[in-house]
């Protein structure tokens, strides 16, 4: 009944829309404990930032977690050749193109990893860190972090564990 009147989460989690990664269950939390934002590839964008702004400035959360996960299909798709990404529906193509650009700055590192599973995990980590950095570029967020009022961190969820 208390949830009907208000919510008071202490953390916001930007996670993937993948059905195998239920944020509240991963963190062993109940309803109202986490302000959950889910989007394919846990990709930051204008709507995600609007949701984070609400959580940070109105709900006064103290922690933002960007959580990538093992076997992320969006990260895999973002690494496909340009011509394959170009065949996707416009909104998905936009999301994948954004992710592809984020991964491109680490392409030499990713290409140097010969083990496919290790390369996949590193790509997820690179994507997660890129989203953390995008959140930290927001002036109001950066100010709260600098004043010690907010932390923004990345995390990796291993589905197989």
Protein backbone atom coordinates (compact mmCIF):
# COMPACT_ATOMS: atom_id res chain seq x y z
CA UNK A 1 0.00 0.00 0.00
CA UNK A 2 2.85 2.41 0.75
CA UNK A 3 3.97 2.16 -2.88
CA UNK A 4 0.66 3.59 -4.05
CA UNK A 5 1.40 6.94 -2.43
CA UNK A 6 5.09 7.38 -3.21
CA UNK A 7 8.36 5.81 -4.24
CA UNK A 8 11.68 6.35 -2.51
CA UNK A 9 14.39 4.32 -4.26
CA UNK A 10 17.99 4.99 -3.30
CA UNK A 11 19.47 3.76 -6.56
CA UNK A 12 18.77 4.06 -10.27
CA UNK A 13 19.88 1.25 -12.55
CA UNK A 14 20.23 1.68 -16.30
CA UNK A 15 20.06 -1.89 -17.53
CA UNK A 16 19.41 -3.78 -20.70
CA UNK A 17 15.90 -4.63 -21.87
CA UNK A 18 16.99 -8.28 -22.17
CA UNK A 19 14.38 -10.45 -20.45
CA UNK A 20 17.13 -12.52 -18.83
CA UNK A 21 18.30 -9.55 -16.77
CA UNK A 22 15.50 -8.58 -14.33
CA UNK A 23 17.06 -5.72 -12.38
CA UNK A 24 15.17 -6.12 -9.10
CA UNK A 25 15.93 -9.84 -8.99
CA UNK A 26 19.60 -9.39 -9.92
CA UNK A 27 20.03 -6.99 -6.98
CA UNK A 28 17.67 -8.95 -4.68
CA UNK A 29 15.43 -5.93 -4.18
CA UNK A 30 11.70 -5.49 -3.93
CA UNK A 31 9.20 -3.19 -5.57
CA UNK A 32 10.04 0.46 -5.02
CA UNK A 33 13.67 -0.17 -4.06
CA UNK A 34 15.21 0.52 -7.48
CA UNK A 35 14.40 3.14 -10.10
CA UNK A 36 14.86 0.82 -13.09
CA UNK A 37 15.47 2.08 -16.61
CA UNK A 38 15.69 -0.61 -19.26
CA UNK A 39 16.73 -0.14 -22.87
CA UNK A 40 18.46 -2.46 -25.32
CA UNK A 41 22.20 -2.38 -24.70
CA UNK A 42 21.70 -0.10 -21.66
CA UNK A 43 22.29 2.78 -24.08
CA UNK A 44 22.16 6.33 -22.80
CA UNK A 45 20.06 8.81 -24.78
CA UNK A 46 17.74 11.75 -24.30
CA UNK A 47 14.85 9.73 -22.85
CA UNK A 48 17.15 7.79 -20.54
CA UNK A 49 18.70 11.04 -19.32
CA UNK A 50 15.23 12.47 -18.72
CA UNK A 51 14.43 9.46 -16.55
CA UNK A 52 17.75 9.78 -14.72
CA UNK A 53 17.13 13.49 -14.17
CA UNK A 54 13.83 12.63 -12.51
CA UNK A 55 15.48 9.99 -10.30
CA UNK A 56 18.42 12.21 -9.37
CA UNK A 57 16.72 15.56 -8.90
CA UNK A 58 13.24 14.59 -7.70
CA UNK A 59 13.65 11.21 -6.04
CA UNK A 60 17.11 12.19 -4.77
CA UNK A 61 18.77 8.88 -5.51
CA UNK A 62 22.42 8.67 -4.49
CA UNK A 63 23.70 6.00 -6.87
CA UNK A 64 23.37 5.35 -10.60
CA UNK A 65 24.47 1.94 -11.84
CA UNK A 66 24.87 1.21 -15.55
CA UNK A 67 24.66 -2.57 -15.81
CA UNK A 68 25.86 -4.46 -18.86
CA UNK A 69 25.51 -8.22 -19.07
CA UNK A 70 26.98 -11.35 -20.52
CA UNK A 71 25.60 -12.28 -23.92
CA UNK A 72 24.14 -8.87 -24.75
CA UNK A 73 22.52 -9.15 -28.16
CA UNK A 74 22.58 -5.39 -28.71
CA UNK A 75 26.34 -5.25 -28.18
CA UNK A 76 26.78 -8.18 -30.57
CA UNK A 77 24.55 -6.52 -33.17
CA UNK A 78 26.45 -3.23 -32.86
CA UNK A 79 29.58 -5.07 -33.94
CA UNK A 80 28.04 -6.34 -37.17
CA UNK A 81 29.21 -4.85 -40.48
CA UNK A 82 27.68 -1.48 -41.41
CA UNK A 83 25.63 -2.97 -44.26
CA UNK A 84 23.88 -5.37 -41.88
CA UNK A 85 23.14 -2.62 -39.34
CA UNK A 86 21.81 -0.46 -42.19
CA UNK A 87 19.11 -3.08 -42.90
CA UNK A 88 17.53 -2.70 -39.45
CA UNK A 89 14.43 -0.64 -38.70
CA UNK A 90 15.25 3.10 -38.32
CA UNK A 91 15.08 3.36 -34.52
CA UNK A 92 17.02 0.13 -33.96
CA UNK A 93 19.53 1.21 -36.59
CA UNK A 94 20.01 4.49 -34.72
CA UNK A 95 20.57 2.69 -31.41
CA UNK A 96 23.06 0.26 -32.97
CA UNK A 97 24.88 3.04 -34.81
CA UNK A 98 25.31 4.91 -31.52
CA UNK A 99 26.67 1.78 -29.88
CA UNK A 100 28.92 1.07 -32.85
CA UNK A 101 30.47 4.54 -32.49
CA UNK A 102 31.05 3.97 -28.77
CA UNK A 103 32.77 0.64 -29.48
CA UNK A 104 34.84 2.05 -32.36
CA UNK A 105 37.15 3.96 -30.03
CA UNK A 106 38.25 0.59 -28.62
CA UNK A 107 38.26 -1.40 -31.86
CA UNK A 108 42.00 -2.12 -31.80
CA UNK A 109 41.75 -3.54 -28.29
CA UNK A 110 38.67 -5.59 -29.12
CA UNK A 111 40.15 -6.93 -32.36
CA UNK A 112 43.33 -7.97 -30.52
CA UNK A 113 41.35 -10.32 -28.25
CA UNK A 114 41.37 -13.69 -29.96
CA UNK A 115 39.02 -15.54 -27.62
CA UNK A 116 35.45 -14.80 -28.78
CA UNK A 117 33.90 -14.99 -25.30
CA UNK A 118 36.54 -12.67 -23.84
CA UNK A 119 36.08 -10.23 -26.73
CA UNK A 120 32.31 -10.26 -26.18
CA UNK A 121 32.72 -9.56 -22.45
CA UNK A 122 35.19 -6.74 -23.14
CA UNK A 123 32.79 -5.19 -25.67
CA UNK A 124 30.04 -5.18 -23.04
CA UNK A 125 32.45 -3.57 -20.55
CA UNK A 126 33.45 -0.92 -23.12
CA UNK A 127 29.80 -0.18 -23.89
CA UNK A 128 28.94 0.06 -20.19
CA UNK A 129 31.81 2.46 -19.53
CA UNK A 130 30.81 4.58 -22.55
CA UNK A 131 27.31 4.98 -21.08
CA UNK A 132 28.73 5.90 -17.66
CA UNK A 133 30.83 8.60 -19.31
CA UNK A 134 27.80 9.96 -21.20
CA UNK A 135 25.87 10.27 -17.94
CA UNK A 136 28.83 12.03 -16.32
CA UNK A 137 28.93 14.58 -19.19
CA UNK A 138 25.60 15.99 -18.01
CA UNK A 139 26.51 19.20 -16.09
CA UNK A 140 23.97 18.76 -13.27
CA UNK A 141 25.01 15.13 -12.77
CA UNK A 142 28.69 15.99 -12.88
CA UNK A 143 28.11 18.72 -10.28
CA UNK A 144 26.41 16.30 -7.89
CA UNK A 145 29.23 13.79 -8.36
CA UNK A 146 31.87 16.46 -7.70
CA UNK A 147 30.06 17.50 -4.50
CA UNK A 148 29.92 13.87 -3.33
CA UNK A 149 26.12 13.74 -3.55
CA UNK A 150 25.96 11.07 -6.26
CA UNK A 151 27.98 8.14 -7.57
CA UNK A 152 27.77 6.82 -11.13
CA UNK A 153 29.30 3.37 -11.67
CA UNK A 154 29.34 0.54 -14.18
CA UNK A 155 28.57 -3.12 -13.45
CA UNK A 156 28.63 -6.43 -15.30
CA UNK A 157 26.03 -9.15 -14.75
CA UNK A 158 27.17 -12.65 -15.55
CA UNK A 159 24.02 -14.58 -16.51
CA UNK A 160 25.78 -17.93 -16.38
CA UNK A 161 26.96 -17.52 -12.76
